[in-house]
N, C-alpha and C. Protein backbone atom coordinates (compact mmCIF):
# COMPACT_ATOMS: atom_id res chain seq x y z
N MET A 1 -17.84 -34.53 6.94
CA MET A 1 -17.95 -34.87 8.35
C MET A 1 -16.68 -34.44 9.06
N GLU A 2 -16.87 -33.81 10.17
CA GLU A 2 -15.74 -33.32 10.95
C GLU A 2 -15.11 -34.45 11.75
N ALA A 3 -13.79 -34.53 11.68
CA ALA A 3 -13.07 -35.54 12.45
C ALA A 3 -12.98 -35.09 13.90
N PRO A 4 -12.84 -36.03 14.83
CA PRO A 4 -12.69 -35.66 16.23
C PRO A 4 -11.44 -34.80 16.43
N GLY A 5 -11.58 -33.76 17.23
CA GLY A 5 -10.45 -32.87 17.52
C GLY A 5 -10.26 -31.75 16.52
N CYS A 6 -11.13 -31.64 15.52
CA CYS A 6 -10.98 -30.60 14.50
C CYS A 6 -11.61 -29.27 14.92
N GLY A 7 -12.50 -29.30 15.87
CA GLY A 7 -13.24 -28.10 16.24
C GLY A 7 -12.38 -26.90 16.54
N GLU A 8 -11.32 -27.10 17.30
CA GLU A 8 -10.46 -25.96 17.67
C GLU A 8 -9.69 -25.42 16.47
N TYR A 9 -9.50 -26.23 15.42
CA TYR A 9 -8.74 -25.80 14.25
C TYR A 9 -9.62 -25.19 13.17
N ARG A 10 -10.87 -25.59 13.12
CA ARG A 10 -11.76 -25.13 12.05
C ARG A 10 -11.96 -23.62 12.08
N TYR A 11 -11.90 -23.01 13.23
CA TYR A 11 -12.09 -21.56 13.32
C TYR A 11 -10.96 -20.80 12.63
N GLY A 12 -9.77 -21.38 12.61
CA GLY A 12 -8.64 -20.70 12.00
C GLY A 12 -8.45 -20.99 10.52
N LEU A 13 -9.24 -21.88 9.95
CA LEU A 13 -9.03 -22.27 8.56
C LEU A 13 -9.20 -21.10 7.59
N GLY A 14 -10.20 -20.26 7.80
CA GLY A 14 -10.43 -19.13 6.90
C GLY A 14 -9.28 -18.15 6.92
N VAL A 15 -8.79 -17.85 8.11
CA VAL A 15 -7.66 -16.93 8.25
C VAL A 15 -6.41 -17.57 7.65
N TYR A 16 -6.24 -18.85 7.86
CA TYR A 16 -5.10 -19.58 7.30
C TYR A 16 -5.16 -19.58 5.78
N ALA A 17 -6.36 -19.74 5.22
CA ALA A 17 -6.54 -19.75 3.77
C ALA A 17 -6.15 -18.41 3.16
N LEU A 18 -6.33 -17.34 3.90
CA LEU A 18 -5.96 -16.01 3.43
C LEU A 18 -4.49 -15.68 3.67
N GLY A 19 -3.79 -16.58 4.36
CA GLY A 19 -2.38 -16.35 4.66
C GLY A 19 -2.17 -15.36 5.78
N ARG A 20 -3.17 -15.21 6.65
CA ARG A 20 -3.10 -14.22 7.72
C ARG A 20 -2.93 -14.81 9.11
N LEU A 21 -2.81 -16.11 9.21
CA LEU A 21 -2.61 -16.74 10.51
C LEU A 21 -1.11 -16.90 10.71
N ALA A 22 -0.61 -16.45 11.83
CA ALA A 22 0.83 -16.47 12.05
C ALA A 22 1.16 -17.07 13.41
N GLY A 23 2.44 -17.33 13.60
CA GLY A 23 2.92 -17.77 14.89
C GLY A 23 2.54 -19.19 15.25
N PRO A 24 2.40 -19.43 16.56
CA PRO A 24 2.11 -20.78 17.04
C PRO A 24 0.79 -21.33 16.52
N GLU A 25 -0.20 -20.45 16.31
CA GLU A 25 -1.49 -20.92 15.80
C GLU A 25 -1.33 -21.50 14.40
N ALA A 26 -0.56 -20.83 13.55
CA ALA A 26 -0.33 -21.32 12.19
C ALA A 26 0.44 -22.63 12.22
N ASP A 27 1.42 -22.71 13.09
CA ASP A 27 2.21 -23.94 13.19
C ASP A 27 1.35 -25.12 13.64
N ALA A 28 0.50 -24.89 14.63
CA ALA A 28 -0.37 -25.96 15.14
C ALA A 28 -1.38 -26.39 14.07
N LEU A 29 -1.95 -25.42 13.36
CA LEU A 29 -2.92 -25.75 12.31
C LEU A 29 -2.24 -26.50 11.17
N SER A 30 -1.05 -26.08 10.81
CA SER A 30 -0.30 -26.76 9.76
C SER A 30 -0.03 -28.22 10.13
N ALA A 31 0.35 -28.44 11.38
CA ALA A 31 0.59 -29.81 11.84
C ALA A 31 -0.70 -30.63 11.82
N HIS A 32 -1.82 -30.01 12.21
CA HIS A 32 -3.11 -30.70 12.19
C HIS A 32 -3.49 -31.06 10.75
N LEU A 33 -3.26 -30.15 9.82
CA LEU A 33 -3.65 -30.38 8.44
C LEU A 33 -2.91 -31.56 7.82
N ARG A 34 -1.69 -31.79 8.24
CA ARG A 34 -0.92 -32.92 7.69
C ARG A 34 -1.62 -34.26 7.95
N GLY A 35 -2.34 -34.34 9.04
CA GLY A 35 -2.99 -35.61 9.37
C GLY A 35 -4.50 -35.60 9.29
N CYS A 36 -5.10 -34.56 8.69
CA CYS A 36 -6.55 -34.47 8.67
C CYS A 36 -7.09 -34.15 7.27
N PRO A 37 -7.44 -35.19 6.52
CA PRO A 37 -7.98 -34.97 5.17
C PRO A 37 -9.26 -34.10 5.13
N PRO A 38 -10.20 -34.23 6.09
CA PRO A 38 -11.39 -33.36 6.01
C PRO A 38 -11.04 -31.87 6.15
N CYS A 39 -10.11 -31.53 7.02
CA CYS A 39 -9.72 -30.12 7.17
C CYS A 39 -8.95 -29.64 5.95
N ARG A 40 -8.12 -30.52 5.35
CA ARG A 40 -7.42 -30.14 4.12
C ARG A 40 -8.41 -29.87 3.00
N ALA A 41 -9.46 -30.68 2.92
CA ALA A 41 -10.49 -30.47 1.88
C ALA A 41 -11.22 -29.15 2.11
N GLU A 42 -11.55 -28.85 3.35
CA GLU A 42 -12.21 -27.58 3.65
C GLU A 42 -11.29 -26.40 3.35
N LEU A 43 -10.00 -26.55 3.69
CA LEU A 43 -9.04 -25.49 3.40
C LEU A 43 -8.93 -25.25 1.89
N ALA A 44 -8.94 -26.32 1.11
CA ALA A 44 -8.87 -26.17 -0.35
C ALA A 44 -10.08 -25.39 -0.85
N GLU A 45 -11.26 -25.68 -0.32
CA GLU A 45 -12.48 -24.95 -0.72
C GLU A 45 -12.40 -23.49 -0.31
N LEU A 46 -11.91 -23.23 0.89
CA LEU A 46 -11.78 -21.85 1.35
C LEU A 46 -10.76 -21.08 0.51
N ARG A 47 -9.71 -21.74 0.09
CA ARG A 47 -8.73 -21.07 -0.76
C ARG A 47 -9.31 -20.74 -2.13
N ARG A 48 -10.17 -21.62 -2.66
CA ARG A 48 -10.84 -21.32 -3.93
C ARG A 48 -11.74 -20.09 -3.79
N VAL A 49 -12.47 -20.02 -2.69
CA VAL A 49 -13.34 -18.87 -2.45
C VAL A 49 -12.50 -17.60 -2.29
N ALA A 50 -11.42 -17.67 -1.53
CA ALA A 50 -10.55 -16.51 -1.35
C ALA A 50 -9.97 -16.04 -2.68
N ASP A 51 -9.61 -16.99 -3.55
CA ASP A 51 -9.08 -16.64 -4.86
C ASP A 51 -10.15 -15.95 -5.71
N LEU A 52 -11.36 -16.46 -5.68
CA LEU A 52 -12.46 -15.83 -6.43
C LEU A 52 -12.72 -14.42 -5.94
N LEU A 53 -12.71 -14.22 -4.63
CA LEU A 53 -12.94 -12.89 -4.08
C LEU A 53 -11.82 -11.93 -4.46
N THR A 54 -10.59 -12.41 -4.45
CA THR A 54 -9.45 -11.57 -4.84
C THR A 54 -9.57 -11.15 -6.29
N ARG A 55 -9.89 -12.10 -7.16
CA ARG A 55 -10.04 -11.76 -8.58
C ARG A 55 -11.21 -10.81 -8.80
N ALA A 56 -12.31 -11.01 -8.09
CA ALA A 56 -13.46 -10.11 -8.23
C ALA A 56 -13.12 -8.70 -7.77
N ALA A 57 -12.36 -8.59 -6.69
CA ALA A 57 -11.96 -7.27 -6.19
C ALA A 57 -11.04 -6.57 -7.18
N ARG A 58 -10.11 -7.30 -7.78
CA ARG A 58 -9.21 -6.70 -8.78
C ARG A 58 -9.99 -6.23 -10.00
N THR A 59 -10.93 -7.06 -10.46
CA THR A 59 -11.74 -6.69 -11.61
C THR A 59 -12.55 -5.44 -11.31
N ALA A 60 -13.15 -5.38 -10.13
CA ALA A 60 -13.94 -4.21 -9.75
C ALA A 60 -13.07 -2.97 -9.67
N ALA A 61 -11.86 -3.11 -9.17
CA ALA A 61 -10.96 -1.96 -9.07
C ALA A 61 -10.56 -1.47 -10.46
N LEU A 62 -10.37 -2.38 -11.41
CA LEU A 62 -10.01 -1.99 -12.76
C LEU A 62 -11.17 -1.32 -13.49
N GLN A 63 -12.39 -1.70 -13.15
CA GLN A 63 -13.57 -1.16 -13.83
C GLN A 63 -14.13 0.08 -13.16
N ALA A 64 -13.63 0.42 -12.00
CA ALA A 64 -14.14 1.59 -11.28
C ALA A 64 -13.78 2.86 -12.04
N PRO A 65 -14.68 3.84 -12.06
CA PRO A 65 -14.37 5.09 -12.76
C PRO A 65 -13.22 5.81 -12.07
N ARG A 66 -12.36 6.37 -12.87
CA ARG A 66 -11.21 7.11 -12.35
C ARG A 66 -11.64 8.52 -11.97
N PRO A 67 -11.11 9.06 -10.88
CA PRO A 67 -11.46 10.44 -10.52
C PRO A 67 -10.92 11.40 -11.58
N ARG A 68 -11.67 12.43 -11.87
CA ARG A 68 -11.29 13.43 -12.85
C ARG A 68 -10.21 14.32 -12.27
N ALA A 69 -9.20 14.62 -13.07
CA ALA A 69 -8.13 15.51 -12.61
C ALA A 69 -8.68 16.93 -12.51
N ILE A 70 -8.26 17.66 -11.50
CA ILE A 70 -8.68 19.04 -11.30
C ILE A 70 -7.63 19.95 -11.92
N GLY A 71 -8.09 20.85 -12.78
CA GLY A 71 -7.18 21.78 -13.45
C GLY A 71 -6.78 22.92 -12.52
N PRO A 72 -5.77 23.72 -12.93
CA PRO A 72 -5.28 24.81 -12.09
C PRO A 72 -6.35 25.85 -11.77
N ARG A 73 -7.20 26.18 -12.74
CA ARG A 73 -8.24 27.18 -12.48
C ARG A 73 -9.26 26.69 -11.47
N GLU A 74 -9.60 25.42 -11.58
CA GLU A 74 -10.54 24.85 -10.61
C GLU A 74 -9.92 24.81 -9.22
N ARG A 75 -8.62 24.55 -9.15
CA ARG A 75 -7.94 24.48 -7.87
C ARG A 75 -7.90 25.86 -7.21
N GLU A 76 -7.68 26.93 -8.01
CA GLU A 76 -7.62 28.28 -7.47
C GLU A 76 -8.95 28.73 -6.89
N SER A 77 -10.04 28.32 -7.52
CA SER A 77 -11.34 28.80 -7.06
C SER A 77 -12.02 27.83 -6.10
N ALA A 78 -11.34 26.78 -5.71
CA ALA A 78 -11.96 25.81 -4.80
C ALA A 78 -12.34 26.48 -3.49
N GLY A 79 -13.56 26.27 -3.08
CA GLY A 79 -14.02 26.80 -1.81
C GLY A 79 -14.47 28.25 -1.87
N ARG A 80 -14.49 28.86 -3.06
CA ARG A 80 -14.88 30.26 -3.17
C ARG A 80 -16.24 30.43 -3.83
N GLY A 81 -17.00 29.38 -3.88
CA GLY A 81 -18.32 29.45 -4.51
C GLY A 81 -19.31 30.16 -3.61
N SER A 82 -20.54 30.24 -4.09
CA SER A 82 -21.58 30.88 -3.28
C SER A 82 -21.85 30.05 -2.05
N ARG A 83 -22.14 30.71 -0.99
CA ARG A 83 -22.40 30.03 0.28
C ARG A 83 -23.90 29.88 0.46
N SER A 84 -24.27 28.84 1.11
CA SER A 84 -25.69 28.63 1.39
C SER A 84 -25.82 28.15 2.82
N GLY A 85 -27.02 28.15 3.31
CA GLY A 85 -27.25 27.67 4.66
C GLY A 85 -27.49 28.84 5.60
N ALA A 86 -27.58 28.54 6.87
CA ALA A 86 -27.95 29.54 7.87
C ALA A 86 -26.91 30.64 8.02
N PHE A 87 -25.64 30.35 7.72
CA PHE A 87 -24.59 31.34 7.93
C PHE A 87 -24.11 31.95 6.63
N GLY A 88 -24.88 31.83 5.56
CA GLY A 88 -24.45 32.28 4.25
C GLY A 88 -24.51 33.77 4.03
N GLY A 89 -25.24 34.54 4.75
CA GLY A 89 -25.42 35.95 4.45
C GLY A 89 -24.40 36.86 5.07
N GLY A 90 -23.15 36.50 5.14
CA GLY A 90 -22.14 37.37 5.70
C GLY A 90 -21.96 37.22 7.19
N PHE A 91 -22.78 36.43 7.81
CA PHE A 91 -22.69 36.23 9.25
C PHE A 91 -21.37 35.57 9.64
N SER A 92 -20.79 34.78 8.71
CA SER A 92 -19.54 34.11 9.02
C SER A 92 -18.42 35.10 9.26
N GLY A 93 -18.53 36.34 8.73
CA GLY A 93 -17.52 37.36 8.97
C GLY A 93 -17.45 37.73 10.44
N ALA A 94 -18.56 37.66 11.14
CA ALA A 94 -18.56 37.96 12.57
C ALA A 94 -17.70 36.97 13.33
N CYS A 95 -17.64 35.75 12.84
CA CYS A 95 -16.80 34.76 13.48
C CYS A 95 -15.33 35.06 13.24
N ALA A 96 -15.00 35.57 12.05
CA ALA A 96 -13.60 35.82 11.71
C ALA A 96 -13.06 37.07 12.39
N TYR A 97 -13.88 38.10 12.56
CA TYR A 97 -13.39 39.37 13.09
C TYR A 97 -13.92 39.70 14.48
N GLY A 98 -14.71 38.83 15.04
CA GLY A 98 -15.29 39.11 16.34
C GLY A 98 -16.65 39.78 16.17
N ALA A 99 -17.37 39.89 17.20
CA ALA A 99 -18.74 40.41 17.13
C ALA A 99 -18.78 41.88 16.80
N ARG A 100 -17.72 42.63 17.06
CA ARG A 100 -17.74 44.09 16.82
C ARG A 100 -17.17 44.47 15.48
N GLY A 101 -16.68 43.54 14.72
CA GLY A 101 -16.17 43.86 13.40
C GLY A 101 -14.68 44.08 13.39
N ARG A 102 -14.14 44.37 12.20
CA ARG A 102 -12.71 44.51 11.98
C ARG A 102 -12.20 45.82 12.59
N LYS A 103 -11.14 45.74 13.32
CA LYS A 103 -10.40 46.88 13.92
C LYS A 103 -11.29 47.84 14.70
N ARG A 104 -12.27 47.34 15.36
CA ARG A 104 -13.09 48.20 16.21
C ARG A 104 -12.80 47.88 17.64
N SER A 105 -12.82 48.84 18.46
CA SER A 105 -12.59 48.60 19.88
C SER A 105 -13.78 49.12 20.65
N GLY A 106 -13.91 48.64 21.84
CA GLY A 106 -14.88 48.91 22.82
C GLY A 106 -15.86 49.91 22.72
């Protein structure tokens, strides 16, 4: 059950539980928590949830597949594969040299 006057503080409890509430808001919430057992109990529950989420994120990061290292030969040929799509048939050369081709004038 929420105690009278807790409404304005309850919105900041989640941020406070994560350690992300700063400044005057954190100071006011801290002062409120000293005298409000229901908000302290809710904060304790939110901190447990935040801890579980942090541990789950760390576990997921450790279990995620590592990207494969690219060798020197693969690095040299990167981007030089066959082209596909509407501009694959040499049309892209017109963009590089202009519509009239390389070293041609008027």
